[in-house]
Protein backbone atom coordinates (compact mmCIF):
# COMPACT_ATOMS: atom_id res chain seq x y z
CA MET A 1 -12.50 -39.53 45.61
CA LYS A 2 -14.08 -38.91 42.20
CA LYS A 3 -14.75 -35.30 43.15
CA ILE A 4 -11.11 -34.81 44.20
CA LEU A 5 -9.85 -36.27 40.90
CA LEU A 6 -12.24 -34.05 38.94
CA ILE A 7 -11.00 -30.97 40.78
CA LEU A 8 -7.38 -31.94 40.14
CA LEU A 9 -8.13 -32.33 36.42
CA LEU A 10 -9.87 -28.97 36.23
CA ILE A 11 -7.11 -26.98 37.97
CA PRO A 12 -4.67 -27.04 34.97
CA SER A 13 -7.47 -26.07 32.59
CA LEU A 14 -8.57 -23.20 34.80
CA SER A 15 -4.97 -22.08 35.21
CA PHE A 16 -4.34 -22.19 31.45
CA GLY A 17 -7.59 -20.33 30.77
CA GLN A 18 -6.69 -17.66 33.30
CA THR A 19 -3.18 -17.30 31.83
CA LEU A 20 -4.57 -17.02 28.29
CA LYS A 21 -7.12 -14.44 29.45
CA GLU A 22 -4.43 -12.35 31.13
CA THR A 23 -2.19 -12.59 28.06
CA VAL A 24 -4.96 -11.44 25.72
CA LYS A 25 -5.92 -8.64 28.10
CA LYS A 26 -2.31 -7.45 28.32
CA THR A 27 -1.82 -7.67 24.55
CA PHE A 28 -4.85 -5.56 23.68
CA LYS A 29 -4.59 -3.13 26.60
CA PHE A 30 -4.69 0.48 25.31
CA SER A 31 -5.59 -0.71 21.80
CA THR A 32 -8.51 0.79 19.87
CA PHE A 33 -10.95 -1.01 17.59
CA TYR A 34 -12.67 1.24 15.07
CA ALA A 35 -15.11 1.06 12.17
CA ALA A 36 -16.33 4.04 10.17
CA VAL A 37 -17.93 5.12 6.91
CA ASN A 38 -16.76 8.43 5.43
CA GLY A 39 -18.04 10.15 2.32
CA GLY A 40 -18.30 13.38 0.40
CA SER A 41 -18.87 14.99 -2.98
CA SER A 42 -16.57 14.11 -5.86
CA LEU A 43 -15.91 15.98 -9.10
CA SER A 44 -18.81 18.07 -10.34
CA ASP A 45 -20.68 17.06 -13.50
CA VAL A 46 -18.94 17.94 -16.76
CA ASN A 47 -20.70 18.68 -20.05
CA THR A 48 -19.30 16.68 -22.99
CA PHE A 49 -19.66 17.26 -26.73
CA SER A 50 -18.84 15.20 -29.79
CA VAL A 51 -19.78 15.02 -33.47
CA ASN A 52 -21.26 11.86 -34.98
CA THR A 53 -21.99 11.74 -38.74
CA GLY A 54 -22.20 15.49 -38.77
CA GLN A 55 -24.56 15.73 -35.79
CA LEU A 56 -23.66 17.40 -32.53
CA VAL A 57 -24.02 15.00 -29.61
CA SER A 58 -24.01 16.40 -26.07
CA GLY A 59 -23.92 14.61 -22.75
CA VAL A 60 -23.03 14.88 -19.11
CA GLN A 61 -20.14 13.05 -17.46
CA GLN A 62 -21.05 12.28 -13.86
CA THR A 63 -18.67 11.14 -11.14
CA PRO A 64 -20.25 9.29 -8.19
CA PHE A 65 -19.62 10.53 -4.67
CA ASP A 66 -16.42 9.60 -2.85
CA TYR A 67 -16.54 7.26 0.12
CA SER A 68 -14.42 5.04 2.33
CA ILE A 69 -15.35 2.14 4.58
CA ASN A 70 -12.70 1.66 7.25
CA LEU A 71 -12.23 -1.16 9.73
CA GLY A 72 -9.23 -1.64 12.00
CA VAL A 73 -7.53 -2.04 15.34
CA ARG A 74 -4.37 -0.28 16.48
CA LYS A 75 -2.08 -0.23 19.46
CA ILE A 76 0.67 2.29 18.74
CA ALA A 77 1.93 4.76 21.35
CA ARG A 78 1.85 8.38 20.22
CA PHE A 79 5.06 10.35 20.10
CA GLN A 80 5.28 13.57 22.13
CA TYR A 81 4.67 15.76 19.08
CA GLU A 82 1.47 13.86 18.19
CA ASN A 83 -1.98 14.95 19.35
CA ARG A 84 -5.30 13.35 18.63
CA ALA A 85 -7.12 15.50 16.07
CA SER A 86 -10.49 14.15 17.20
CA THR A 87 -11.98 12.06 19.97
CA PHE A 88 -12.64 9.03 17.77
CA TYR A 89 -10.65 7.19 15.10
CA ASN A 90 -12.41 7.15 11.71
CA GLY A 91 -9.72 5.41 9.65
CA THR A 92 -8.73 8.51 7.66
CA GLU A 93 -5.89 9.49 10.00
CA ASN A 94 -2.53 9.94 8.28
CA THR A 95 0.07 9.11 10.91
CA TYR A 96 3.49 9.27 9.29
CA SER A 97 5.25 7.89 12.36
CA ASP A 98 3.56 4.50 11.88
CA ALA A 99 6.20 3.80 9.22
CA ALA A 100 9.16 4.34 11.59
CA ASN A 101 11.40 1.40 12.49
CA VAL A 102 11.22 2.16 16.23
CA GLY A 103 8.12 3.16 18.16
CA LYS A 104 7.70 5.49 21.10
CA ILE A 105 7.96 2.61 23.55
CA LYS A 106 9.75 -0.71 23.71
CA GLY A 107 7.70 -3.84 23.34
CA PHE A 108 4.85 -5.01 21.17
CA GLU A 109 2.74 -2.76 18.93
CA PHE A 110 0.42 -3.48 16.02
CA LEU A 111 -1.90 -2.09 13.37
CA PHE A 112 -4.54 -3.90 11.32
CA GLU A 113 -6.57 -1.74 8.95
CA GLY A 114 -8.54 -2.36 5.77
CA ASP A 115 -10.20 0.34 3.66
CA LEU A 116 -12.62 0.09 0.75
CA LYS A 117 -12.51 3.40 -1.11
CA ARG A 118 -13.91 5.21 -4.10
CA VAL A 119 -12.14 8.40 -5.19
CA GLN A 120 -13.16 10.35 -8.29
CA GLY A 121 -15.08 7.35 -9.58
CA LYS A 122 -12.21 4.86 -9.09
CA SER A 123 -12.73 2.08 -6.55
CA TYR A 124 -9.85 0.30 -4.85
CA VAL A 125 -8.80 -1.48 -1.67
CA ASP A 126 -6.15 -0.36 0.80
CA GLN A 127 -4.71 -2.58 3.53
CA HIS A 128 -1.98 -1.97 6.07
CA HIS A 129 -1.20 -4.51 8.75
CA PHE A 130 1.90 -4.85 10.88
CA LEU A 131 3.23 -6.39 14.08
CA ARG A 132 6.34 -4.77 15.57
CA TYR A 133 8.47 -5.64 18.55
CA VAL A 134 11.25 -3.28 19.65
CA ALA A 135 13.89 -4.26 22.21
CA ASP A 136 17.11 -2.58 23.32
CA ASP A 137 19.28 -4.42 20.83
CA TRP A 138 16.92 -5.95 18.23
CA ILE A 139 13.81 -5.23 16.16
CA ALA A 140 11.35 -7.63 14.54
CA LYS A 141 8.51 -6.63 12.25
CA VAL A 142 5.95 -8.34 10.02
CA GLU A 143 4.04 -6.13 7.59
CA TYR A 144 1.51 -6.38 4.76
CA LEU A 145 0.79 -3.37 2.56
CA GLN A 146 -1.68 -2.97 -0.28
CA ASP A 147 -2.01 0.52 -1.71
CA GLY A 148 -4.62 0.39 -4.44
CA PHE A 149 -4.09 3.99 -5.51
CA ALA A 150 -0.33 3.48 -5.99
CA ASP A 151 -0.82 -0.09 -7.31
CA ILE A 152 1.64 -1.68 -4.88
CA LYS A 153 1.23 -4.82 -2.80
CA PHE A 154 3.71 -6.87 -0.79
CA PHE A 155 4.29 -8.86 2.40
CA GLU A 156 7.48 -8.14 4.36
CA ALA A 157 9.18 -9.64 7.40
CA SER A 158 12.42 -8.31 8.90
CA GLN A 159 14.75 -9.23 11.74
CA ARG A 160 17.41 -6.69 12.72
CA TYR A 161 20.20 -6.13 15.19
CA ARG A 162 19.89 -2.65 16.72
CA ARG A 163 22.77 -0.53 17.98
CA ASN A 164 21.99 2.54 20.11
CA ILE A 165 24.60 5.22 19.40
CA ASN A 166 23.01 7.47 22.02
CA ARG A 167 19.55 8.14 23.44
CA LYS A 168 18.40 9.80 20.21
CA PHE A 169 20.12 7.92 17.41
CA SER A 170 20.27 4.22 16.56
CA ILE A 171 21.28 2.14 13.58
CA ASN A 172 20.18 -1.34 12.60
CA ALA A 173 21.07 -4.12 10.18
CA GLY A 174 19.51 -7.43 9.32
CA ALA A 175 17.55 -9.49 6.83
CA VAL A 176 14.28 -8.91 5.01
CA GLN A 177 12.02 -11.43 3.34
CA ARG A 178 9.43 -10.06 0.91
CA LEU A 179 6.59 -11.82 -0.88
CA VAL A 180 5.74 -9.77 -3.95
CA ASN A 181 4.12 -9.76 -7.36
CA PRO A 182 6.48 -10.41 -10.31
CA TYR A 183 7.35 -6.72 -10.73
CA GLY A 184 9.40 -6.14 -13.86
CA TYR A 185 7.60 -8.85 -15.80
CA ASN A 186 5.69 -7.46 -18.79
CA PRO A 187 3.39 -10.02 -20.46
CA LEU A 188 3.04 -7.78 -23.51
CA ASP A 189 6.73 -8.26 -24.36
CA GLU A 190 5.77 -11.62 -25.86
CA TRP A 191 3.68 -9.80 -28.48
CA LEU A 192 6.27 -7.25 -29.57
CA LEU A 193 7.04 -7.09 -33.30
CA ASP A 194 10.46 -6.39 -34.77
CA ASN A 195 9.58 -2.71 -35.11
CA GLY A 196 8.70 -2.45 -31.40
CA ASN A 197 4.93 -2.28 -31.89
CA ILE A 198 2.40 -4.74 -30.48
CA HIS A 199 0.23 -6.89 -32.73
CA TYR A 200 -2.77 -6.00 -30.56
CA THR A 201 -5.51 -7.19 -32.95
CA TYR A 202 -4.01 -10.66 -33.18
CA LEU A 203 -3.70 -10.71 -29.36
CA ALA A 204 -7.36 -9.75 -29.05
CA ILE A 205 -8.35 -12.55 -31.44
CA GLN A 206 -6.40 -15.03 -29.31
CA GLU A 207 -8.36 -13.69 -26.31
CA GLY A 208 -11.66 -14.54 -28.02
CA TYR A 209 -12.48 -11.33 -29.89
CA SER A 210 -13.41 -11.47 -33.56
CA VAL A 211 -13.23 -9.14 -36.56
CA ASN A 212 -15.81 -9.32 -39.36
CA PHE A 213 -15.25 -7.53 -42.66
CA SER A 214 -18.76 -7.40 -44.16
CA THR A 215 -17.67 -5.09 -46.96
CA PRO A 216 -14.53 -3.03 -47.50
CA GLU A 217 -16.43 -0.09 -46.00
CA GLU A 218 -18.04 -1.97 -43.09
CA ILE A 219 -16.24 -3.70 -40.27
CA THR A 220 -17.48 -4.98 -36.91
CA TYR A 221 -15.55 -6.07 -33.83
CA SER A 222 -17.13 -8.50 -31.37
CA ASP A 223 -16.19 -9.60 -27.85
CA PRO A 224 -15.82 -13.26 -26.76
CA ASN A 225 -19.58 -13.39 -26.05
CA GLY A 226 -20.44 -12.33 -29.60
CA ASN A 227 -21.53 -8.81 -28.68
CA VAL A 228 -20.55 -6.08 -31.13
CA VAL A 229 -18.23 -3.68 -29.30
CA ALA A 230 -17.04 -1.47 -32.18
CA THR A 231 -17.96 -0.66 -35.75
CA SER A 232 -14.92 1.46 -36.58
CA THR A 233 -11.19 1.10 -36.31
CA GLU A 234 -10.98 4.30 -34.25
CA VAL A 235 -13.28 2.96 -31.51
CA TRP A 236 -11.55 -0.43 -31.62
CA GLU A 237 -8.07 1.01 -31.15
CA ASN A 238 -8.87 3.83 -28.73
CA ILE A 239 -11.50 2.25 -26.47
CA ILE A 240 -11.59 -1.55 -26.76
CA ILE A 241 -7.92 -2.45 -27.24
CA PRO A 242 -6.69 -0.60 -24.08
CA ASP A 243 -9.10 -2.68 -21.98
CA VAL A 244 -8.05 -5.88 -23.76
CA LEU A 245 -4.37 -5.19 -23.07
CA ALA A 246 -5.01 -4.24 -19.43
CA ASP A 247 -7.10 -7.38 -18.78
CA TYR A 248 -4.50 -9.58 -20.46
CA ASP A 249 -1.66 -8.00 -18.49
CA GLU A 250 -3.49 -8.45 -15.15
CA ARG A 251 -4.49 -12.05 -15.89
CA LYS A 252 -0.99 -13.14 -16.91
CA ARG A 253 0.56 -11.53 -13.82
CA ASN A 254 -1.99 -13.19 -11.52
CA GLU A 255 -1.22 -16.58 -13.08
CA LEU A 256 2.38 -16.32 -11.86
CA GLY A 257 1.46 -15.64 -8.25
CA MET A 258 3.77 -13.94 -5.75
CA LYS A 259 7.53 -14.44 -5.49
CA LEU A 260 9.77 -14.61 -2.40
CA GLU A 261 12.80 -12.33 -2.17
CA TYR A 262 15.63 -12.24 0.40
CA SER A 263 17.45 -8.96 0.99
CA LEU A 264 19.95 -7.24 3.27
CA VAL A 265 18.59 -4.16 5.06
CA LEU A 266 20.40 -1.26 6.75
CA GLY A 267 18.49 1.40 8.64
CA PHE A 268 18.54 4.22 11.17
CA ASP A 269 16.21 6.08 13.53
CA TYR A 270 16.61 9.53 15.05
CA TYR A 271 14.26 11.20 17.52
CA HIS A 272 14.67 14.54 19.28
CA TYR A 273 11.89 16.42 21.04
CA THR A 274 11.41 19.63 22.95
CA LYS A 275 8.27 21.77 23.16
CA GLU A 276 9.79 24.28 20.73
CA PHE A 277 11.59 21.94 18.29
CA TRP A 278 11.29 18.31 17.29
CA LEU A 279 12.83 16.14 14.61
CA HIS A 280 11.93 12.54 13.91
CA SER A 281 13.52 10.75 10.97
CA TRP A 282 14.14 7.20 9.83
CA GLY A 283 15.38 5.43 6.74
CA ASN A 284 16.11 2.02 5.26
CA VAL A 285 18.08 0.82 2.28
CA MET A 286 18.21 -2.65 0.74
CA PRO A 287 21.42 -2.69 -1.31
CA TYR A 288 21.75 -6.43 -1.87
CA HIS A 289 19.25 -9.11 -2.86
CA ILE A 290 19.89 -12.84 -3.10
CA ASP A 291 19.44 -14.13 -6.64
CA THR A 292 17.40 -17.32 -6.29
CA ASP A 293 17.46 -17.83 -10.07
CA GLN A 294 13.67 -17.78 -10.35
CA PRO A 295 12.48 -17.27 -13.94
CA TYR A 296 10.36 -14.24 -13.00
CA SER A 297 12.51 -12.71 -10.26
CA TYR A 298 13.29 -9.00 -10.40
CA HIS A 299 16.98 -9.82 -10.93
CA LYS A 300 16.15 -11.01 -14.44
CA TYR A 301 14.44 -7.79 -15.50
CA GLN A 302 16.83 -5.49 -13.64
CA GLY A 303 19.93 -7.23 -14.96
CA GLY A 304 21.52 -7.61 -11.52
CA GLN A 305 21.33 -5.85 -8.16
CA TRP A 306 19.23 -2.78 -7.41
CA PHE A 307 18.54 -0.39 -4.51
CA ASP A 308 15.24 -0.31 -2.68
CA TYR A 309 14.79 2.33 0.01
CA ASN A 310 12.27 4.20 2.11
CA GLY A 311 12.37 6.95 4.68
CA GLY A 312 10.41 9.51 6.61
CA LEU A 313 10.80 12.90 8.24
CA ILE A 314 8.71 14.78 10.80
CA PHE A 315 9.88 18.28 11.68
CA GLY A 316 8.38 21.07 13.75
CA TYR A 317 9.71 24.38 15.00
CA LYS A 318 7.99 27.09 17.04
CA PHE A 319 9.64 30.49 16.72
CA ASP A 320 7.47 31.78 19.56
CA LYS A 321 3.96 31.23 20.98
CA GLN A 322 2.41 32.50 17.76
CA LEU A 323 4.54 31.38 14.80
CA GLY A 324 5.53 27.85 13.86
CA VAL A 325 6.47 25.79 10.80
CA PHE A 326 6.26 22.07 10.10
CA ALA A 327 7.16 19.48 7.47
CA GLU A 328 6.12 15.82 7.42
CA GLY A 329 6.30 13.08 4.86
CA LYS A 330 7.53 9.69 3.77
CA TYR A 331 8.92 8.29 0.54
CA ASN A 332 9.18 4.71 -0.75
CA LYS A 333 10.87 3.13 -3.76
CA TYR A 334 10.59 -0.64 -4.17
CA TRP A 335 11.24 -2.39 -7.51
CA ASN A 336 11.29 1.05 -9.21
CA ARG A 337 7.73 1.67 -8.02
CA ARG A 338 7.38 4.89 -6.04
CA TRP A 339 4.71 6.09 -3.64
CA HIS A 340 4.88 8.98 -1.20
CA ASP A 341 2.94 11.66 0.64
CA PHE A 342 3.90 14.82 2.48
CA SER A 343 2.60 17.87 4.31
CA ILE A 344 4.38 21.20 4.79
CA GLY A 345 3.15 24.49 6.14
CA ILE A 346 3.13 27.37 8.60
CA ASN A 347 0.86 28.23 11.54
CA TYR A 348 0.31 31.66 13.07
CA VAL A 349 -1.89 32.06 16.14
CA ILE A 350 -3.50 35.42 16.88
CA PHE A 351 -4.05 36.16 20.56
């Protein structure tokens, strides 16, 4: 009897485990996990020259090598015009169609990718994650984007009604919720003088820096730790102050955290493909944003409503077996911050 009861208790657990296993297997079927390290030479060394108290001073400006460390997983069906450039993913692929509202297939697709990069001596982090579900008459998407090179970061969720005009063209409308930094807020505005200049030395003193006038001819500037960072006004204004202002600006923005915005979104998708000609385009516009009366919302700095938009285009045309042209790219403008990339060219094959 005890054995029978034990078996009856285990059956639901086994069934649930099997269902969960099948669900996970179905979800990640055809997905690809990848990790890669890429690198290469950066700018070549540059000789530098300056004059100090009448003496020529020479040096060499070196830029460390470029690299990227990429880690991700993706499950996105390729469109008919897309071919794998290599056997393996290395995280450097630039797939414009990932930004489209509608994928190649209906159903669930996703991308999770994080990149640690250094380009021309500048290090930054890129992240792009999204979950997308496309049905006949609705679209849902959750996305997080951090582009360190363009200095943009936001979280976005959208829910849209989709109307298929025909097999190639569809329009959509719905709501978008975005969690963003307080774009438009400028902490340095608090330090503006009546003439429009910034009292940067007083700001630096408030940040812990100090100025010591030993004699009318000698002056030293020290950081919050007491280390001398400049012995002339020229070095103080041209080298130290820019870093002080940048650090202050970043710290004050981070203290505010991210803000939630609610917007209306209107969009479209168009896809046509033949072996000789293909055109894939999409676009979105956010013409109206709910004013939640937050003290640091973008409404305050914009003075009312504004237009955010993004779009993409992929075009290819083969005149014959030898000659073909192409154009690809995408453009984004959110909170008057713009980032974009494109590729355009011609191919001629010699038989």
